[in-house]
Protein backbone atom coordinates (compact mmCIF):
# COMPACT_ATOMS: atom_id res chain seq x y z
CA LEU A 1 -35.65 -21.61 -25.92
CA GLN A 2 -31.94 -21.59 -26.38
CA GLY A 3 -29.06 -23.82 -25.67
CA GLY A 4 -25.86 -22.31 -23.76
CA SER A 5 -22.30 -22.32 -24.24
CA ALA A 6 -19.84 -23.06 -21.41
CA SER A 7 -19.41 -19.34 -20.58
CA ALA A 8 -23.69 -19.40 -20.39
CA TYR A 9 -23.24 -21.30 -16.89
CA LYS A 10 -22.37 -17.99 -15.09
CA ASP A 11 -25.56 -17.34 -13.68
CA GLU A 12 -27.20 -14.04 -12.86
CA GLY A 13 -26.16 -13.59 -9.36
CA TYR A 14 -28.96 -15.29 -7.61
CA TYR A 15 -26.95 -17.85 -5.86
CA GLU A 16 -24.13 -17.83 -3.23
CA ARG A 17 -22.40 -20.96 -3.08
CA THR A 18 -23.31 -23.29 -0.20
CA MET A 19 -20.32 -25.05 1.03
CA PRO A 20 -19.94 -27.21 4.14
CA SER A 21 -17.69 -25.94 6.68
CA ARG A 22 -14.33 -27.81 7.35
CA GLY A 23 -15.99 -29.44 10.45
CA GLU A 24 -18.80 -30.46 8.80
CA GLU A 25 -16.83 -32.25 6.05
CA GLU A 26 -14.39 -33.76 8.72
CA GLU A 27 -17.66 -35.02 10.60
CA SER A 28 -18.94 -36.50 7.36
CA LYS A 29 -15.67 -38.35 6.54
CA SER A 30 -15.50 -39.34 10.37
CA ILE A 31 -19.01 -41.30 9.88
CA LEU A 32 -17.63 -43.06 6.57
CA VAL A 33 -14.52 -44.02 8.58
CA VAL A 34 -16.96 -45.36 11.37
CA LEU A 35 -19.11 -47.28 8.85
CA ALA A 36 -15.91 -48.75 7.39
CA ASN A 37 -14.65 -49.88 10.74
CA LEU A 38 -17.92 -51.59 11.63
CA MET A 39 -17.90 -53.38 8.02
CA HIS A 40 -14.42 -54.53 8.89
CA ILE A 41 -15.30 -55.75 12.36
CA GLN A 42 -18.30 -57.91 11.06
CA LYS A 43 -16.57 -59.07 7.75
CA ARG A 44 -13.20 -59.91 9.59
CA VAL A 45 -12.93 -59.55 13.04
CA LEU A 46 -16.00 -61.38 14.58
CA PRO A 47 -15.99 -64.41 12.25
CA LEU A 48 -12.17 -64.70 13.30
CA LEU A 49 -13.25 -64.21 16.80
CA TRP A 50 -15.74 -66.88 16.94
CA SER A 51 -13.71 -69.79 15.17
CA LYS A 52 -11.32 -68.75 17.51
CA CYS A 53 -13.81 -69.05 20.61
CA TRP A 54 -14.92 -72.65 19.23
CA VAL A 55 -11.63 -73.77 19.47
CA LEU A 56 -10.99 -72.71 23.14
CA VAL A 57 -14.51 -73.24 24.45
CA PRO A 58 -15.43 -76.70 25.62
CA ARG A 59 -17.71 -78.27 23.31
CA ARG A 60 -20.60 -78.55 25.93
CA TYR A 61 -20.97 -74.74 26.15
CA ILE A 62 -21.06 -74.01 22.58
CA ALA A 63 -25.00 -74.34 22.46
CA LYS A 64 -25.24 -71.99 25.28
CA ILE A 65 -22.61 -69.39 23.59
CA GLU A 66 -23.77 -69.66 20.41
CA PRO A 67 -27.23 -67.54 20.34
CA GLU A 68 -25.38 -64.75 21.88
CA THR A 69 -22.65 -64.66 18.93
CA LEU A 70 -25.85 -63.99 16.98
CA ARG A 71 -26.98 -61.31 19.23
CA VAL A 72 -23.63 -59.35 18.94
CA ASN A 73 -23.55 -60.13 15.10
CA GLY A 74 -27.03 -58.54 14.97
CA LEU A 75 -26.14 -55.34 17.21
CA TYR A 76 -23.31 -54.77 14.79
CA ARG A 77 -25.65 -55.02 11.83
CA ALA A 78 -27.88 -52.44 13.48
CA LEU A 79 -25.05 -50.21 14.45
CA SER A 80 -23.97 -50.21 10.89
CA ARG A 81 -27.38 -49.21 9.47
CA MET A 82 -27.77 -46.37 12.03
CA VAL A 83 -24.41 -45.10 10.96
CA MET A 84 -25.14 -45.39 7.26
CA ASP A 85 -28.72 -43.53 7.97
CA GLU A 86 -27.12 -40.99 9.65
CA PHE A 87 -24.52 -40.31 7.01
CA ILE A 88 -27.35 -40.25 4.14
CA ARG A 89 -29.59 -37.77 6.48
CA SER A 90 -27.08 -35.28 6.83
CA THR A 91 -25.72 -35.41 3.20
CA THR A 92 -28.99 -34.98 2.22
CA LEU A 93 -29.68 -32.15 4.45
CA HIS A 94 -26.72 -30.15 3.04
CA LEU A 95 -27.26 -31.07 -0.75
CA SER A 96 -31.19 -30.35 -0.37
CA THR A 97 -29.83 -26.79 0.46
CA PHE A 98 -28.77 -26.20 -3.40
CA ILE A 99 -32.44 -27.27 -4.54
CA THR A 100 -33.99 -25.05 -2.02
CA LYS A 101 -31.99 -22.25 -3.43
CA GLY A 102 -32.58 -23.22 -6.95
CA LEU A 103 -36.43 -23.45 -6.63
CA THR A 104 -37.30 -21.10 -3.46
CA THR A 105 -34.82 -18.53 -2.46
CA SER A 106 -33.42 -17.91 -6.06
CA GLY A 107 -35.51 -14.67 -6.20
CA ARG A 108 -37.24 -15.96 -9.71
CA ASP A 109 -40.92 -15.56 -9.88
CA TRP A 110 -42.14 -18.66 -11.49
CA SER A 111 -45.39 -17.58 -13.08
CA LYS A 112 -43.31 -14.86 -15.13
CA HIS A 113 -41.85 -15.92 -18.70
CA LYS A 114 -38.32 -16.20 -19.02
CA THR A 115 -36.54 -17.89 -21.71
CA VAL A 116 -34.86 -21.19 -20.73
CA ARG A 117 -31.35 -21.04 -21.96
CA LYS A 118 -29.39 -23.51 -19.85
CA VAL A 119 -29.17 -25.72 -16.57
CA ARG A 120 -28.43 -22.89 -14.07
CA GLU A 121 -25.54 -22.65 -11.83
CA TYR A 122 -27.00 -24.29 -8.48
CA MET A 123 -27.67 -27.55 -10.38
CA LEU A 124 -24.08 -27.66 -11.48
CA GLU A 125 -22.75 -27.03 -7.99
CA LEU A 126 -25.20 -29.36 -6.60
CA LEU A 127 -23.69 -32.33 -8.46
CA LEU A 128 -20.29 -31.11 -7.96
CA GLU A 129 -20.96 -31.45 -4.07
CA VAL A 130 -22.24 -35.17 -5.29
CA VAL A 131 -19.04 -35.64 -6.97
CA LEU A 132 -17.24 -35.21 -3.55
CA VAL A 133 -19.62 -37.26 -1.81
CA TYR A 134 -19.06 -40.15 -4.44
CA ASP A 135 -15.38 -39.85 -4.17
CA ASP A 136 -15.52 -40.06 -0.27
CA LEU A 137 -17.45 -43.14 -0.76
CA ILE A 138 -14.89 -44.76 -2.87
CA ALA A 139 -12.02 -43.77 -0.84
CA ILE A 140 -13.46 -44.89 2.42
CA VAL A 141 -16.28 -47.36 2.06
CA LYS A 142 -16.34 -48.78 -1.55
CA PRO A 143 -18.71 -51.74 -0.70
CA PHE A 144 -21.34 -49.15 0.06
CA VAL A 145 -20.97 -47.02 -2.82
CA HIS A 146 -23.97 -48.22 -4.73
CA LYS A 147 -26.57 -48.46 -2.07
CA VAL A 148 -25.56 -45.03 -0.63
CA MET A 149 -26.00 -43.31 -4.07
CA LYS A 150 -29.11 -44.87 -5.03
CA THR A 151 -30.99 -43.65 -1.71
CA LEU A 152 -29.65 -40.06 -2.11
CA VAL A 153 -31.01 -39.74 -5.59
CA VAL A 154 -34.32 -40.86 -4.34
CA MET A 155 -33.72 -38.16 -1.40
CA LEU A 156 -32.88 -35.56 -4.19
CA ILE A 157 -35.82 -36.15 -6.27
CA ASP A 158 -37.90 -36.25 -3.51
CA CYS A 159 -37.09 -33.13 -2.62
CA PHE A 160 -37.10 -31.42 -6.10
CA SER A 161 -40.69 -33.10 -6.02
CA SER A 162 -41.98 -31.74 -2.53
CA LEU A 163 -40.52 -28.32 -3.39
CA VAL A 164 -42.10 -28.12 -6.82
CA ARG A 165 -45.55 -29.02 -5.39
CA ALA A 166 -45.11 -25.86 -2.87
CA ILE A 167 -44.97 -23.47 -5.86
CA ASP A 168 -48.35 -21.88 -6.44
CA GLU A 169 -48.06 -21.03 -9.93
CA PHE A 170 -45.74 -21.92 -13.16
CA SER A 171 -45.53 -20.29 -16.27
CA PRO A 172 -44.95 -22.53 -19.03
CA SER A 173 -41.17 -21.32 -19.28
CA GLY A 174 -40.85 -21.74 -15.63
CA ALA A 175 -42.02 -25.18 -15.76
CA LEU A 176 -39.81 -26.18 -18.95
CA GLN A 177 -36.75 -24.83 -16.99
CA VAL A 178 -37.30 -26.87 -13.66
CA TYR A 179 -38.01 -29.45 -16.68
CA VAL A 180 -34.72 -29.34 -18.14
CA GLU A 181 -33.01 -29.17 -14.53
CA VAL A 182 -34.56 -32.29 -13.55
CA ASN A 183 -33.89 -34.14 -16.99
CA PHE A 184 -30.47 -32.89 -16.68
CA LEU A 185 -30.14 -34.43 -12.83
CA ARG A 186 -31.39 -37.64 -13.83
CA SER A 187 -29.15 -37.87 -17.12
CA VAL A 188 -25.99 -37.21 -14.57
CA LEU A 189 -27.34 -39.78 -12.15
CA LYS A 190 -28.79 -42.31 -14.28
CA ARG A 191 -26.20 -45.20 -13.03
CA PHE A 192 -27.79 -44.74 -9.28
CA LEU A 193 -31.70 -44.74 -10.46
CA THR A 194 -34.03 -47.35 -8.84
CA PRO A 195 -37.49 -48.01 -9.82
CA SER A 196 -38.57 -45.94 -7.00
CA SER A 197 -36.60 -43.09 -8.08
CA GLN A 198 -37.86 -43.33 -11.59
CA ASP A 199 -41.43 -43.59 -10.65
CA THR A 200 -40.98 -40.41 -8.65
CA PHE A 201 -38.75 -38.64 -11.82
CA ARG A 202 -41.72 -39.84 -14.16
CA ASN A 203 -44.74 -38.32 -12.00
CA LEU A 204 -42.50 -34.80 -11.51
CA GLN A 205 -42.11 -35.19 -15.25
CA ASN A 206 -45.57 -35.25 -15.76
CA ARG A 207 -46.62 -32.74 -13.49
CA LEU A 208 -44.49 -29.93 -15.48
CA GLU A 209 -45.64 -31.25 -18.76
CA GLY A 210 -49.19 -30.37 -17.74
CA CYS A 211 -47.86 -26.79 -16.55
CA ILE A 212 -46.11 -26.47 -20.20
CA GLN A 213 -49.05 -28.05 -22.28
CA ARG A 214 -51.63 -25.59 -20.89
CA ALA A 215 -49.97 -22.55 -23.15
CA GLU A 216 -47.88 -24.68 -25.74
CA PRO A 217 -49.90 -26.19 -28.42
CA ASN A 218 -46.63 -27.82 -29.55
CA ILE A 219 -45.39 -29.55 -26.63
CA ASP A 220 -43.65 -32.05 -28.41
CA GLY A 221 -41.30 -29.51 -30.45
CA THR A 222 -40.89 -27.50 -26.99
CA LEU A 223 -39.70 -30.84 -24.87
CA ALA A 224 -37.32 -31.57 -27.98
CA ALA A 225 -36.03 -28.14 -27.61
CA ALA A 226 -35.43 -28.88 -23.86
CA SER A 227 -33.94 -32.13 -24.63
CA ASN A 228 -31.50 -30.11 -26.73
CA VAL A 229 -30.54 -27.99 -23.99
CA VAL A 230 -29.84 -30.84 -21.86
CA SER A 231 -27.85 -32.38 -24.43
CA LYS A 232 -25.49 -29.40 -24.69
CA ALA A 233 -25.30 -29.17 -20.80
CA LEU A 234 -24.30 -32.77 -20.72
CA SER A 235 -21.88 -32.38 -23.64
CA THR A 236 -20.15 -29.05 -21.81
CA THR A 237 -19.89 -30.66 -18.14
CA SER A 238 -19.07 -34.08 -19.40
CA VAL A 239 -15.45 -33.92 -17.71
CA MET A 240 -16.99 -32.73 -14.45
CA TYR A 241 -19.02 -35.77 -13.58
CA ALA A 242 -17.37 -38.41 -15.66
CA CYS A 243 -16.65 -40.17 -12.30
CA PHE A 244 -20.42 -41.56 -12.18
CA ASP A 245 -19.80 -43.24 -15.48
CA SER A 246 -16.61 -44.82 -14.69
CA PRO A 247 -16.32 -48.55 -13.18
CA ILE A 248 -15.41 -48.64 -9.39
CA VAL A 249 -12.15 -50.81 -9.29
């Protein structure tokens, strides 16, 4: 098991970069703009509208109108949730294509031995896509950044977990390769972990460690070497993903 230099992140040609089309990018940003507008309406427009209404409407009618105002507020909250869910759904669908390529369509036979040298290219590309999503969130809907990012992390690790379960057989080195990449993902996005995503991470790690341990009597040494690969990858890519550690201002 070896660590890799910056030049080692050039993959063996298994991956064809999956970029969203310009139309998909614009649609994604449009959804965030709609969400931002809904947030503005709820925070500023509706309170101002109702305060003006109570001034103009005779007092005897207020009791009849107030339930309707609550219903309108509820409709806007429900619409905001729908828009956010659609953004998360479409974003997760796009990001999951990178994980699918890395695990199921890369051409790798996971039952065969292959020395673990690095975090593979698909993971670096996946996280660069997450950087773009994060930048859009910061620019358009800053109050929702943490909520959306935490949900995306849950979705990504769920995707990883389901694809790993679908693979029939792992060699110890195959399981170790995925182990390295899962831990790299976890380290880069640690700021957005939740109890739910941490549980899924632990379950996936335990599954992979079980595959490794079947043929590796010195599993502690093997996992320590894997940790070294992750550390080197984090050092090499620290600038690429620095935004995740920066305060939101």
